[in-house]
Amino acid sequence: MITVRSAALTNFERVAAEYGLDAHALVEEVGLPYRCLVDPDLALSAVATSTLLETAALRAHEPAFGLRLAASRRLSNLGPLGLLLRDQPTLRHALETLVTHIHTHNAAMTVSLLQTGPWVSIREETLLKKGVPSRQATELAMATTFRLLRIFLGENWLPHSVTFRHVAPPDGAWHRRIFGCPVRFGQEFNEIVCSARDLEAPNPGADPVMARYSQRLLEADQNNKSGMVERVRHLMVLLLPRGHCRIEVVAQHLGVDRRTVANHLAKEGTSYSVLLNQMRLELLENYLHDGSRQFSDIATLLGFSELSAFCRWHRAQFGVSATRASS
């Protein structure tokens, strides 16, 4: 089961009440424990949590429900991860830390950092399976990252742009109010774009000793909770679009050698090649369901260097060409 810390529901009860909703009844309806509204450290089903957010948004007739939850988020809401982010020397270091450790807070979300010339894109994607609604969870995650940026850069800072993959809401007032910049929908990625210079902003309150201590605690805790399969899957989502999803690269990100990764995966009943194939199949299903991408784009996102390589893989998996399968 993919999990998320119950801290993701910070402010849920208050915001729900503003729309006349009974938070406890909604929580019970989706099968989550009442304690998730008061204890920030429970491991909740990511599917049930996302369903809760979508249900609340629907009942409240508020498409920006997820955004409203994030409006007053603090680093402390991220738990141990927030402590580690707090003591990073620059915003870039903080974002790179978020990329590496986001799964400790939300295992259903990945974050990647891409720089093109003077601009940096902070991209976020959900790992929820096809059919699970994720609009509210995505907007909550994006707005939480935006809050992190403002904690480092000041409350008056604005990004260059914000984009979402899903369609626009009937009224984008809350989106404009939260982000304070152009927000576009129906785009290729969920991303916040900002100046690369912003990422070098120093953090005068950073404590390198506390940062090392927080990182050891976070990694020790995660090693006890998370198996190798889950950690490798998260890295695959980040590395596939970059064309660097080899086991050696994954091992490097984990701070071990490839043999260690292979041995741990074997103990958990799988292998790197099996996981890679499964991840490609899951991502392919999501991209096809999205319906807005060309096969050449999908091939790149799945880590294939050429469209022909993707086509051969698709035929091997399904027995038909990608074009025929989609017709």
C-alpha atoms as a PDB file:
ATOM      1  CA  MET A   1       0.000   0.000   0.000  1.00  0.00           C
ATOM      2  CA  ILE A   2       1.312   3.436  -0.939  1.00  0.00           C
ATOM      3  CA  THR A   3       1.092   5.709   2.084  1.00  0.00           C
ATOM      4  CA  VAL A   4       1.122   9.389   2.990  1.00  0.00           C
ATOM      5  CA  ARG A   5       1.655  11.017   6.399  1.00  0.00           C
ATOM      6  CA  SER A   6      -1.559  12.206   7.983  1.00  0.00           C
ATOM      7  CA  ALA A   7       0.073  15.653   8.218  1.00  0.00           C
ATOM      8  CA  ALA A   8      -1.170  16.005   4.625  1.00  0.00           C
ATOM      9  CA  LEU A   9      -4.601  16.596   6.194  1.00  0.00           C
ATOM     10  CA  THR A  10      -3.474  19.569   8.292  1.00  0.00           C
ATOM     11  CA  ASN A  11      -6.317  22.157   8.309  1.00  0.00           C
ATOM     12  CA  PHE A  12      -8.755  19.648   6.774  1.00  0.00           C
ATOM     13  CA  GLU A  13     -11.253  19.833   9.625  1.00  0.00           C
ATOM     14  CA  ARG A  14     -11.215  23.656   9.680  1.00  0.00           C
ATOM     15  CA  VAL A  15     -11.551  24.103   5.908  1.00  0.00           C
ATOM     16  CA  ALA A  16     -14.275  21.449   5.697  1.00  0.00           C
ATOM     17  CA  ALA A  17     -16.242  23.237   8.439  1.00  0.00           C
ATOM     18  CA  GLU A  18     -16.081  26.505   6.484  1.00  0.00           C
ATOM     19  CA  TYR A  19     -18.130  24.771   3.785  1.00  0.00           C
ATOM     20  CA  GLY A  20     -20.529  23.162   6.247  1.00  0.00           C
ATOM     21  CA  LEU A  21     -18.963  19.709   5.951  1.00  0.00           C
ATOM     22  CA  ASP A  22     -18.531  17.164   8.744  1.00  0.00           C
ATOM     23  CA  ALA A  23     -14.849  16.187   8.551  1.00  0.00           C
ATOM     24  CA  HIS A  24     -15.297  13.132  10.784  1.00  0.00           C
ATOM     25  CA  ALA A  25     -18.127  11.794   8.632  1.00  0.00           C
ATOM     26  CA  LEU A  26     -16.043  12.254   5.473  1.00  0.00           C
ATOM     27  CA  VAL A  27     -13.051  10.503   7.039  1.00  0.00           C
ATOM     28  CA  GLU A  28     -15.255   7.584   8.092  1.00  0.00           C
ATOM     29  CA  GLU A  29     -16.805   7.420   4.623  1.00  0.00           C
ATOM     30  CA  VAL A  30     -13.446   6.758   2.931  1.00  0.00           C
ATOM     31  CA  GLY A  31     -12.250   4.346   5.623  1.00  0.00           C
ATOM     32  CA  LEU A  32      -9.619   6.465   7.361  1.00  0.00           C
ATOM     33  CA  PRO A  33      -9.233   6.590  11.173  1.00  0.00           C
ATOM     34  CA  TYR A  34     -10.548   9.627  13.047  1.00  0.00           C
ATOM     35  CA  ARG A  35      -7.090  10.091  14.575  1.00  0.00           C
ATOM     36  CA  CYS A  36      -5.767  11.239  11.195  1.00  0.00           C
ATOM     37  CA  LEU A  37      -7.309  14.646  11.909  1.00  0.00           C
ATOM     38  CA  VAL A  38      -5.270  15.172  15.095  1.00  0.00           C
ATOM     39  CA  ASP A  39      -2.176  12.938  14.789  1.00  0.00           C
ATOM     40  CA  PRO A  40       0.157  14.113  11.970  1.00  0.00           C
ATOM     41  CA  ASP A  41       2.344  11.005  11.965  1.00  0.00           C
ATOM     42  CA  LEU A  42      -0.058   8.250  10.934  1.00  0.00           C
ATOM     43  CA  ALA A  43       0.646   6.338   7.716  1.00  0.00           C
ATOM     44  CA  LEU A  44      -2.540   6.647   5.654  1.00  0.00           C
ATOM     45  CA  SER A  45      -3.565   4.986   2.424  1.00  0.00           C
ATOM     46  CA  ALA A  46      -2.677   7.440  -0.342  1.00  0.00           C
ATOM     47  CA  VAL A  47      -5.692   6.257  -2.342  1.00  0.00           C
ATOM     48  CA  ALA A  48      -8.106   6.850   0.549  1.00  0.00           C
ATOM     49  CA  THR A  49      -6.520  10.229   1.315  1.00  0.00           C
ATOM     50  CA  SER A  50      -6.804  11.380  -2.289  1.00  0.00           C
ATOM     51  CA  THR A  51     -10.399  10.146  -2.415  1.00  0.00           C
ATOM     52  CA  LEU A  52     -11.143  12.097   0.771  1.00  0.00           C
ATOM     53  CA  LEU A  53      -9.836  15.321  -0.768  1.00  0.00           C
ATOM     54  CA  GLU A  54     -11.818  14.808  -3.978  1.00  0.00           C
ATOM     55  CA  THR A  55     -14.995  13.985  -2.055  1.00  0.00           C
ATOM     56  CA  ALA A  56     -14.641  17.081   0.107  1.00  0.00           C
ATOM     57  CA  ALA A  57     -14.026  19.289  -2.929  1.00  0.00           C
ATOM     58  CA  LEU A  58     -17.107  17.870  -4.645  1.00  0.00           C
ATOM     59  CA  ARG A  59     -19.397  18.247  -1.614  1.00  0.00           C
ATOM     60  CA  ALA A  60     -18.096  21.761  -0.934  1.00  0.00           C
ATOM     61  CA  HIS A  61     -18.442  22.759  -4.603  1.00  0.00           C
ATOM     62  CA  GLU A  62     -14.896  24.089  -4.208  1.00  0.00           C
ATOM     63  CA  PRO A  63     -12.420  22.962  -6.913  1.00  0.00           C
ATOM     64  CA  ALA A  64      -9.612  24.708  -5.000  1.00  0.00           C
ATOM     65  CA  PHE A  65     -10.133  22.711  -1.796  1.00  0.00           C
ATOM     66  CA  GLY A  66      -6.614  21.239  -1.913  1.00  0.00           C
ATOM     67  CA  LEU A  67      -5.097  24.677  -2.413  1.00  0.00           C
ATOM     68  CA  ARG A  68      -6.918  26.006   0.629  1.00  0.00           C
ATOM     69  CA  LEU A  69      -5.454  23.248   2.795  1.00  0.00           C
ATOM     70  CA  ALA A  70      -1.941  24.319   1.812  1.00  0.00           C
ATOM     71  CA  ALA A  71      -2.429  28.067   2.255  1.00  0.00           C
ATOM     72  CA  SER A  72      -0.851  28.218   5.724  1.00  0.00           C
ATOM     73  CA  ARG A  73       1.526  25.248   5.610  1.00  0.00           C
ATOM     74  CA  ARG A  74       4.803  25.402   7.522  1.00  0.00           C
ATOM     75  CA  LEU A  75       7.964  23.307   7.376  1.00  0.00           C
ATOM     76  CA  SER A  76       6.897  21.648  10.624  1.00  0.00           C
ATOM     77  CA  ASN A  77       3.958  20.080   8.757  1.00  0.00           C
ATOM     78  CA  LEU A  78       6.497  17.976   6.858  1.00  0.00           C
ATOM     79  CA  GLY A  79       7.694  16.360  10.085  1.00  0.00           C
ATOM     80  CA  PRO A  80      11.301  15.071  10.102  1.00  0.00           C
ATOM     81  CA  LEU A  81      11.674  16.086   6.454  1.00  0.00           C
ATOM     82  CA  GLY A  82      10.774  19.656   7.365  1.00  0.00           C
ATOM     83  CA  LEU A  83      13.549  19.743   9.966  1.00  0.00           C
ATOM     84  CA  LEU A  84      16.055  18.640   7.349  1.00  0.00           C
ATOM     85  CA  LEU A  85      14.840  21.228   4.823  1.00  0.00           C
ATOM     86  CA  ARG A  86      15.002  23.982   7.425  1.00  0.00           C
ATOM     87  CA  ASP A  87      18.767  23.633   7.867  1.00  0.00           C
ATOM     88  CA  GLN A  88      19.831  23.443   4.214  1.00  0.00           C
ATOM     89  CA  PRO A  89      22.330  26.177   3.194  1.00  0.00           C
ATOM     90  CA  THR A  90      20.430  27.293   0.072  1.00  0.00           C
ATOM     91  CA  LEU A  91      17.046  26.839  -1.560  1.00  0.00           C
ATOM     92  CA  ARG A  92      18.661  24.608  -4.190  1.00  0.00           C
ATOM     93  CA  HIS A  93      19.951  22.290  -1.473  1.00  0.00           C
ATOM     94  CA  ALA A  94      16.497  22.273   0.115  1.00  0.00           C
ATOM     95  CA  LEU A  95      14.793  21.358  -3.166  1.00  0.00           C
ATOM     96  CA  GLU A  96      17.335  18.630  -3.914  1.00  0.00           C
ATOM     97  CA  THR A  97      16.663  17.258  -0.440  1.00  0.00           C
ATOM     98  CA  LEU A  98      12.925  17.347  -1.142  1.00  0.00           C
ATOM     99  CA  VAL A  99      13.482  15.423  -4.394  1.00  0.00           C
ATOM    100  CA  THR A 100      15.429  12.716  -2.573  1.00  0.00           C
ATOM    101  CA  HIS A 101      13.245  12.374   0.512  1.00  0.00           C
ATOM    102  CA  ILE A 102       9.678  13.319  -0.513  1.00  0.00           C
ATOM    103  CA  HIS A 103       8.670   9.655  -0.194  1.00  0.00           C
ATOM    104  CA  THR A 104       9.192   9.854   3.580  1.00  0.00           C
ATOM    105  CA  HIS A 105       6.280  12.290   3.731  1.00  0.00           C
ATOM    106  CA  ASN A 106       4.219  11.274   0.701  1.00  0.00           C
ATOM    107  CA  ALA A 107       5.040   8.013  -1.051  1.00  0.00           C
ATOM    108  CA  ALA A 108       2.465   8.770  -3.751  1.00  0.00           C
ATOM    109  CA  MET A 109       4.313  11.837  -5.005  1.00  0.00           C
ATOM    110  CA  THR A 110       7.570  12.417  -6.855  1.00  0.00           C
ATOM    111  CA  VAL A 111       9.417  15.703  -7.286  1.00  0.00           C
ATOM    112  CA  SER A 112      12.077  16.482  -9.893  1.00  0.00           C
ATOM    113  CA  LEU A 113      14.257  19.524 -10.502  1.00  0.00           C
ATOM    114  CA  LEU A 114      15.174  20.478 -14.077  1.00  0.00           C
ATOM    115  CA  GLN A 115      17.168  23.516 -15.206  1.00  0.00           C
ATOM    116  CA  THR A 116      16.995  24.976 -18.712  1.00  0.00           C
ATOM    117  CA  GLY A 117      19.170  28.045 -19.101  1.00  0.00           C
ATOM    118  CA  PRO A 118      18.101  30.701 -16.586  1.00  0.00           C
ATOM    119  CA  TRP A 119      14.927  28.822 -15.574  1.00  0.00           C
ATOM    120  CA  VAL A 120      14.311  25.941 -13.187  1.00  0.00           C
ATOM    121  CA  SER A 121      11.249  23.691 -13.309  1.00  0.00           C
ATOM    122  CA  ILE A 122      10.042  21.961 -10.151  1.00  0.00           C
ATOM    123  CA  ARG A 123       7.876  19.107 -11.417  1.00  0.00           C
ATOM    124  CA  GLU A 124       5.555  16.926  -9.387  1.00  0.00           C
ATOM    125  CA  GLU A 125       3.707  13.754 -10.351  1.00  0.00           C
ATOM    126  CA  THR A 126       1.452  11.350  -8.464  1.00  0.00           C
ATOM    127  CA  LEU A 127       2.005   7.600  -8.392  1.00  0.00           C
ATOM    128  CA  LEU A 128      -1.661   6.765  -7.941  1.00  0.00           C
ATOM    129  CA  LYS A 129      -3.003   4.120 -10.280  1.00  0.00           C
ATOM    130  CA  LYS A 130      -5.361   4.847 -13.152  1.00  0.00           C
ATOM    131  CA  GLY A 131      -8.864   5.736 -12.043  1.00  0.00           C
ATOM    132  CA  VAL A 132      -7.865   7.191  -8.677  1.00  0.00           C
ATOM    133  CA  PRO A 133      -8.730  10.923  -8.641  1.00  0.00           C
ATOM    134  CA  SER A 134      -5.692  13.057  -7.905  1.00  0.00           C
ATOM    135  CA  ARG A 135      -6.503  16.662  -8.824  1.00  0.00           C
ATOM    136  CA  GLN A 136      -6.814  17.852  -5.229  1.00  0.00           C
ATOM    137  CA  ALA A 137      -3.789  15.870  -4.037  1.00  0.00           C
ATOM    138  CA  THR A 138      -1.703  17.316  -6.866  1.00  0.00           C
ATOM    139  CA  GLU A 139      -2.741  20.900  -6.162  1.00  0.00           C
ATOM    140  CA  LEU A 140      -2.162  20.403  -2.432  1.00  0.00           C
ATOM    141  CA  ALA A 141       1.368  19.108  -3.105  1.00  0.00           C
ATOM    142  CA  MET A 142       2.185  21.903  -5.549  1.00  0.00           C
ATOM    143  CA  ALA A 143       0.919  24.575  -3.171  1.00  0.00           C
ATOM    144  CA  THR A 144       2.921  23.030  -0.320  1.00  0.00           C
ATOM    145  CA  THR A 145       6.084  23.246  -2.431  1.00  0.00           C
ATOM    146  CA  PHE A 146       5.195  26.848  -3.228  1.00  0.00           C
ATOM    147  CA  ARG A 147       4.994  27.535   0.513  1.00  0.00           C
ATOM    148  CA  LEU A 148       8.501  26.067   0.896  1.00  0.00           C
ATOM    149  CA  LEU A 149       9.792  28.457  -1.759  1.00  0.00           C
ATOM    150  CA  ARG A 150       8.277  31.438   0.012  1.00  0.00           C
ATOM    151  CA  ILE A 151       9.702  30.361   3.358  1.00  0.00           C
ATOM    152  CA  PHE A 152      13.157  30.672   1.808  1.00  0.00           C
ATOM    153  CA  LEU A 153      12.539  33.635  -0.502  1.00  0.00           C
ATOM    154  CA  GLY A 154      10.049  35.737   1.431  1.00  0.00           C
ATOM    155  CA  GLU A 155       6.281  36.194   1.317  1.00  0.00           C
ATOM    156  CA  ASN A 156       6.482  38.638  -1.600  1.00  0.00           C
ATOM    157  CA  TRP A 157       8.303  36.211  -3.903  1.00  0.00           C
ATOM    158  CA  LEU A 158       6.462  35.081  -7.049  1.00  0.00           C
ATOM    159  CA  PRO A 159       7.285  32.261  -9.490  1.00  0.00           C
ATOM    160  CA  HIS A 160       7.554  32.828 -13.226  1.00  0.00           C
ATOM    161  CA  SER A 161       4.649  30.467 -13.933  1.00  0.00           C
ATOM    162  CA  VAL A 162       2.681  27.501 -12.604  1.00  0.00           C
ATOM    163  CA  THR A 163       1.147  24.766 -14.775  1.00  0.00           C
ATOM    164  CA  PHE A 164      -1.109  21.778 -14.154  1.00  0.00           C
ATOM    165  CA  ARG A 165      -1.889  18.774 -16.313  1.00  0.00           C
ATOM    166  CA  HIS A 166      -5.577  18.711 -15.402  1.00  0.00           C
ATOM    167  CA  VAL A 167      -8.239  20.960 -16.911  1.00  0.00           C
ATOM    168  CA  ALA A 168      -8.977  24.444 -15.626  1.00  0.00           C
ATOM    169  CA  PRO A 169     -11.567  24.958 -12.866  1.00  0.00           C
ATOM    170  CA  PRO A 170     -14.657  27.088 -13.546  1.00  0.00           C
ATOM    171  CA  ASP A 171     -13.119  29.845 -11.424  1.00  0.00           C
ATOM    172  CA  GLY A 172      -9.356  30.260 -11.004  1.00  0.00           C
ATOM    173  CA  ALA A 173      -9.530  32.978  -8.328  1.00  0.00           C
ATOM    174  CA  TRP A 174      -7.984  30.821  -5.604  1.00  0.00           C
ATOM    175  CA  HIS A 175      -5.175  29.725  -7.905  1.00  0.00           C
ATOM    176  CA  ARG A 176      -4.312  33.320  -8.736  1.00  0.00           C
ATOM    177  CA  ARG A 177      -4.558  34.279  -5.081  1.00  0.00           C
ATOM    178  CA  ILE A 178      -2.297  31.455  -3.853  1.00  0.00           C
ATOM    179  CA  PHE A 179       0.374  31.540  -6.563  1.00  0.00           C
ATOM    180  CA  GLY A 180       0.205  35.207  -7.571  1.00  0.00           C
ATOM    181  CA  CYS A 181       1.379  34.470 -11.122  1.00  0.00           C
ATOM    182  CA  PRO A 182       0.034  33.101 -14.429  1.00  0.00           C
ATOM    183  CA  VAL A 183      -1.469  29.623 -13.864  1.00  0.00           C
ATOM    184  CA  ARG A 184      -2.149  27.463 -16.930  1.00  0.00           C
ATOM    185  CA  PHE A 185      -4.061  24.208 -17.112  1.00  0.00           C
ATOM    186  CA  GLY A 186      -4.112  21.298 -19.541  1.00  0.00           C
ATOM    187  CA  GLN A 187      -0.327  21.478 -19.849  1.00  0.00           C
ATOM    188  CA  GLU A 188       2.269  18.735 -20.209  1.00  0.00           C
ATOM    189  CA  PHE A 189       3.532  18.871 -16.613  1.00  0.00           C
ATOM    190  CA  ASN A 190       2.565  19.882 -13.104  1.00  0.00           C
ATOM    191  CA  GLU A 191       5.347  22.362 -12.459  1.00  0.00           C
ATOM    192  CA  ILE A 192       6.471  25.588 -10.848  1.00  0.00           C
ATOM    193  CA  VAL A 193       8.942  27.580 -12.952  1.00  0.00           C
ATOM    194  CA  CYS A 194      11.258  30.093 -11.312  1.00  0.00           C
ATOM    195  CA  SER A 195      14.572  31.830 -11.892  1.00  0.00           C
ATOM    196  CA  ALA A 196      17.673  29.705 -11.331  1.00  0.00           C
ATOM    197  CA  ARG A 197      19.129  32.634  -9.398  1.00  0.00           C
ATOM    198  CA  ASP A 198      16.406  32.222  -6.791  1.00  0.00           C
ATOM    199  CA  LEU A 199      17.720  28.775  -5.932  1.00  0.00           C
ATOM    200  CA  GLU A 200      21.046  30.170  -4.781  1.00  0.00           C
ATOM    201  CA  ALA A 201      19.406  32.276  -2.077  1.00  0.00           C
ATOM    202  CA  PRO A 202      21.346  31.612   1.149  1.00  0.00           C
ATOM    203  CA  ASN A 203      19.578  30.426   4.267  1.00  0.00           C
ATOM    204  CA  PRO A 204      21.010  32.494   7.142  1.00  0.00           C
ATOM    205  CA  GLY A 205      19.393  30.202   9.725  1.00  0.00           C
ATOM    206  CA  ALA A 206      20.923  26.992   8.358  1.00  0.00           C
ATOM    207  CA  ASP A 207      22.683  24.794  10.910  1.00  0.00           C
ATOM    208  CA  PRO A 208      24.915  22.214   9.164  1.00  0.00           C
ATOM    209  CA  VAL A 209      25.327  20.169  12.341  1.00  0.00           C
ATOM    210  CA  MET A 210      21.566  19.884  12.819  1.00  0.00           C
ATOM    211  CA  ALA A 211      21.163  19.127   9.099  1.00  0.00           C
ATOM    212  CA  ARG A 212      23.503  16.132   9.346  1.00  0.00           C
ATOM    213  CA  TYR A 213      21.750  14.959  12.497  1.00  0.00           C
ATOM    214  CA  SER A 214      18.284  15.322  10.943  1.00  0.00           C
ATOM    215  CA  GLN A 215      19.394  13.448   7.830  1.00  0.00           C
ATOM    216  CA  ARG A 216      20.743  10.515   9.841  1.00  0.00           C
ATOM    217  CA  LEU A 217      17.509  10.301  11.796  1.00  0.00           C
ATOM    218  CA  LEU A 218      15.371  10.523   8.662  1.00  0.00           C
ATOM    219  CA  GLU A 219      17.358   7.899   6.764  1.00  0.00           C
ATOM    220  CA  ALA A 220      17.526   5.523   9.717  1.00  0.00           C
ATOM    221  CA  ASP A 221      13.778   5.805  10.198  1.00  0.00           C
ATOM    222  CA  GLN A 222      13.108   5.305   6.505  1.00  0.00           C
ATOM    223  CA  ASN A 223      15.413   2.292   6.250  1.00  0.00           C
ATOM    224  CA  ASN A 224      13.274   0.659   8.901  1.00  0.00           C
ATOM    225  CA  LYS A 225       9.985   1.523   7.203  1.00  0.00           C
ATOM    226  CA  SER A 226      10.586   1.393   3.491  1.00  0.00           C
ATOM    227  CA  GLY A 227      11.718  -1.600   1.472  1.00  0.00           C
ATOM    228  CA  MET A 228      14.091  -1.427  -1.460  1.00  0.00           C
ATOM    229  CA  VAL A 229      11.260  -1.940  -3.964  1.00  0.00           C
ATOM    230  CA  GLU A 230       9.468   1.254  -2.916  1.00  0.00           C
ATOM    231  CA  ARG A 231      12.665   3.310  -2.882  1.00  0.00           C
ATOM    232  CA  VAL A 232      13.735   2.060  -6.318  1.00  0.00           C
ATOM    233  CA  ARG A 233      10.280   2.734  -7.807  1.00  0.00           C
ATOM    234  CA  HIS A 234      10.429   6.360  -6.700  1.00  0.00           C
ATOM    235  CA  LEU A 235      13.846   6.842  -8.234  1.00  0.00           C
ATOM    236  CA  MET A 236      12.693   5.231 -11.479  1.00  0.00           C
ATOM    237  CA  VAL A 237       9.925   7.824 -11.864  1.00  0.00           C
ATOM    238  CA  LEU A 238      12.509  10.581 -11.490  1.00  0.00           C
ATOM    239  CA  LEU A 239      15.207   9.047 -13.690  1.00  0.00           C
ATOM    240  CA  LEU A 240      13.223   7.561 -16.590  1.00  0.00           C
ATOM    241  CA  PRO A 241      12.429  10.895 -18.336  1.00  0.00           C
ATOM    242  CA  ARG A 242      16.101  11.812 -18.113  1.00  0.00           C
ATOM    243  CA  GLY A 243      17.247   8.606 -19.819  1.00  0.00           C
ATOM    244  CA  HIS A 244      19.458   7.661 -16.869  1.00  0.00           C
ATOM    245  CA  CYS A 245      17.433   4.878 -15.277  1.00  0.00           C
ATOM    246  CA  ARG A 246      20.193   2.262 -15.049  1.00  0.00           C
ATOM    247  CA  ILE A 247      20.657   0.215 -11.903  1.00  0.00           C
ATOM    248  CA  GLU A 248      24.097   1.778 -11.399  1.00  0.00           C
ATOM    249  CA  VAL A 249      22.563   5.265 -11.321  1.00  0.00           C
ATOM    250  CA  VAL A 250      19.794   4.189  -8.938  1.00  0.00           C
ATOM    251  CA  ALA A 251      22.386   2.597  -6.660  1.00  0.00           C
ATOM    252  CA  GLN A 252      24.397   5.806  -6.681  1.00  0.00           C
ATOM    253  CA  HIS A 253      21.352   7.801  -5.582  1.00  0.00           C
ATOM    254  CA  LEU A 254      20.811   5.322  -2.751  1.00  0.00           C
ATOM    255  CA  GLY A 255      24.456   5.488  -1.686  1.00  0.00           C
ATOM    256  CA  VAL A 256      25.149   1.787  -2.323  1.00  0.00           C
ATOM    257  CA  ASP A 257      26.519  -0.371  -5.157  1.00  0.00           C
ATOM    258  CA  ARG A 258      24.433  -2.164  -7.793  1.00  0.00           C
ATOM    259  CA  ARG A 259      24.962  -5.572  -6.171  1.00  0.00           C
ATOM    260  CA  THR A 260      23.412  -4.328  -2.937  1.00  0.00           C
ATOM    261  CA  VAL A 261      20.346  -3.071  -4.815  1.00  0.00           C
ATOM    262  CA  ALA A 262      20.024  -6.355  -6.712  1.00  0.00           C
ATOM    263  CA  ASN A 263      20.386  -8.438  -3.549  1.00  0.00           C
ATOM    264  CA  HIS A 264      17.775  -6.455  -1.631  1.00  0.00           C
ATOM    265  CA  LEU A 265      15.325  -6.658  -4.536  1.00  0.00           C
ATOM    266  CA  ALA A 266      15.873 -10.416  -4.760  1.00  0.00           C
ATOM    267  CA  LYS A 267      15.059 -10.750  -1.055  1.00  0.00           C
ATOM    268  CA  GLU A 268      11.814  -8.902  -1.738  1.00  0.00           C
ATOM    269  CA  GLY A 269      10.985 -11.310  -4.567  1.00  0.00           C
ATOM    270  CA  THR A 270      11.736  -9.229  -7.634  1.00  0.00           C
ATOM    271  CA  SER A 271      14.525  -7.815  -9.789  1.00  0.00           C
ATOM    272  CA  TYR A 272      15.514  -4.468 -11.239  1.00  0.00           C
ATOM    273  CA  SER A 273      14.460  -5.389 -14.780  1.00  0.00           C
ATOM    274  CA  VAL A 274      11.055  -6.595 -13.592  1.00  0.00           C
ATOM    275  CA  LEU A 275      10.479  -3.391 -11.625  1.00  0.00           C
ATOM    276  CA  LEU A 276      11.587  -1.258 -14.566  1.00  0.00           C
ATOM    277  CA  ASN A 277       9.163  -2.996 -16.883  1.00  0.00           C
ATOM    278  CA  GLN A 278       6.309  -2.706 -14.375  1.00  0.00           C
ATOM    279  CA  MET A 279       6.978   1.000 -13.898  1.00  0.00           C
ATOM    280  CA  ARG A 280       6.989   1.608 -17.637  1.00  0.00           C
ATOM    281  CA  LEU A 281       3.680  -0.214 -17.988  1.00  0.00           C
ATOM    282  CA  GLU A 282       2.106   1.824 -15.164  1.00  0.00           C
ATOM    283  CA  LEU A 283       3.363   5.120 -16.549  1.00  0.00           C
ATOM    284  CA  LEU A 284       2.275   4.194 -20.078  1.00  0.00           C
ATOM    285  CA  GLU A 285      -1.252   3.540 -18.829  1.00  0.00           C
ATOM    286  CA  ASN A 286      -1.336   6.948 -17.138  1.00  0.00           C
ATOM    287  CA  TYR A 287       0.022   8.791 -20.181  1.00  0.00           C
ATOM    288  CA  LEU A 288      -2.415   7.081 -22.553  1.00  0.00           C
ATOM    289  CA  HIS A 289      -5.291   7.805 -20.191  1.00  0.00           C
ATOM    290  CA  ASP A 290      -4.229  11.456 -20.162  1.00  0.00           C
ATOM    291  CA  GLY A 291      -4.675  11.422 -23.954  1.00  0.00           C
ATOM    292  CA  SER A 292      -2.668  14.556 -24.725  1.00  0.00           C
ATOM    293  CA  ARG A 293       0.782  13.133 -25.492  1.00  0.00           C
ATOM    294  CA  GLN A 294       2.386  12.004 -28.725  1.00  0.00           C
ATOM    295  CA  PHE A 295       4.099   8.601 -28.775  1.00  0.00           C
ATOM    296  CA  SER A 296       7.446  10.319 -29.304  1.00  0.00           C
ATOM    297  CA  ASP A 297       6.932  12.201 -26.029  1.00  0.00           C
ATOM    298  CA  ILE A 298       5.804   9.058 -24.217  1.00  0.00           C
ATOM    299  CA  ALA A 299       8.878   7.200 -25.455  1.00  0.00           C
ATOM    300  CA  THR A 300      11.133   9.840 -23.918  1.00  0.00           C
ATOM    301  CA  LEU A 301       9.208   9.891 -20.639  1.00  0.00           C
ATOM    302  CA  LEU A 302       9.561   6.101 -20.395  1.00  0.00           C
ATOM    303  CA  GLY A 303      13.319   6.327 -20.833  1.00  0.00           C
ATOM    304  CA  PHE A 304      13.652   5.191 -24.446  1.00  0.00           C
ATOM    305  CA  SER A 305      16.292   7.007 -26.466  1.00  0.00           C
ATOM    306  CA  GLU A 306      14.396   6.482 -29.734  1.00  0.00           C
ATOM    307  CA  LEU A 307      10.762   6.032 -30.737  1.00  0.00           C
ATOM    308  CA  SER A 308      11.686   2.793 -32.516  1.00  0.00           C
ATOM    309  CA  ALA A 309      12.955   1.305 -29.236  1.00  0.00           C
ATOM    310  CA  PHE A 310       9.659   2.171 -27.558  1.00  0.00           C
ATOM    311  CA  CYS A 311       7.714   0.616 -30.438  1.00  0.00           C
ATOM    312  CA  ARG A 312       9.685  -2.644 -30.154  1.00  0.00           C
ATOM    313  CA  TRP A 313       9.098  -2.738 -26.405  1.00  0.00           C
ATOM    314  CA  HIS A 314       5.370  -2.058 -26.859  1.00  0.00           C
ATOM    315  CA  ARG A 315       5.006  -4.871 -29.399  1.00  0.00           C
ATOM    316  CA  ALA A 316       6.882  -7.239 -27.085  1.00  0.00           C
ATOM    317  CA  GLN A 317       4.528  -6.365 -24.213  1.00  0.00           C
ATOM    318  CA  PHE A 318       1.186  -6.322 -26.020  1.00  0.00           C
ATOM    319  CA  GLY A 319       1.739  -8.131 -29.307  1.00  0.00           C
ATOM    320  CA  VAL A 320       0.613  -5.129 -31.359  1.00  0.00           C
ATOM    321  CA  SER A 321       2.065  -1.770 -32.344  1.00  0.00           C
ATOM    322  CA  ALA A 322       1.423   1.257 -30.146  1.00  0.00           C
ATOM    323  CA  THR A 323      -0.464   2.972 -32.970  1.00  0.00           C
ATOM    324  CA  ARG A 324      -2.801   0.038 -33.475  1.00  0.00           C
ATOM    325  CA  ALA A 325      -3.382  -0.408 -29.741  1.00  0.00           C
ATOM    326  CA  SER A 326      -4.489   3.215 -29.373  1.00  0.00           C
ATOM    327  CA  SER A 327      -6.815   3.225 -32.372  1.00  0.00           C
END
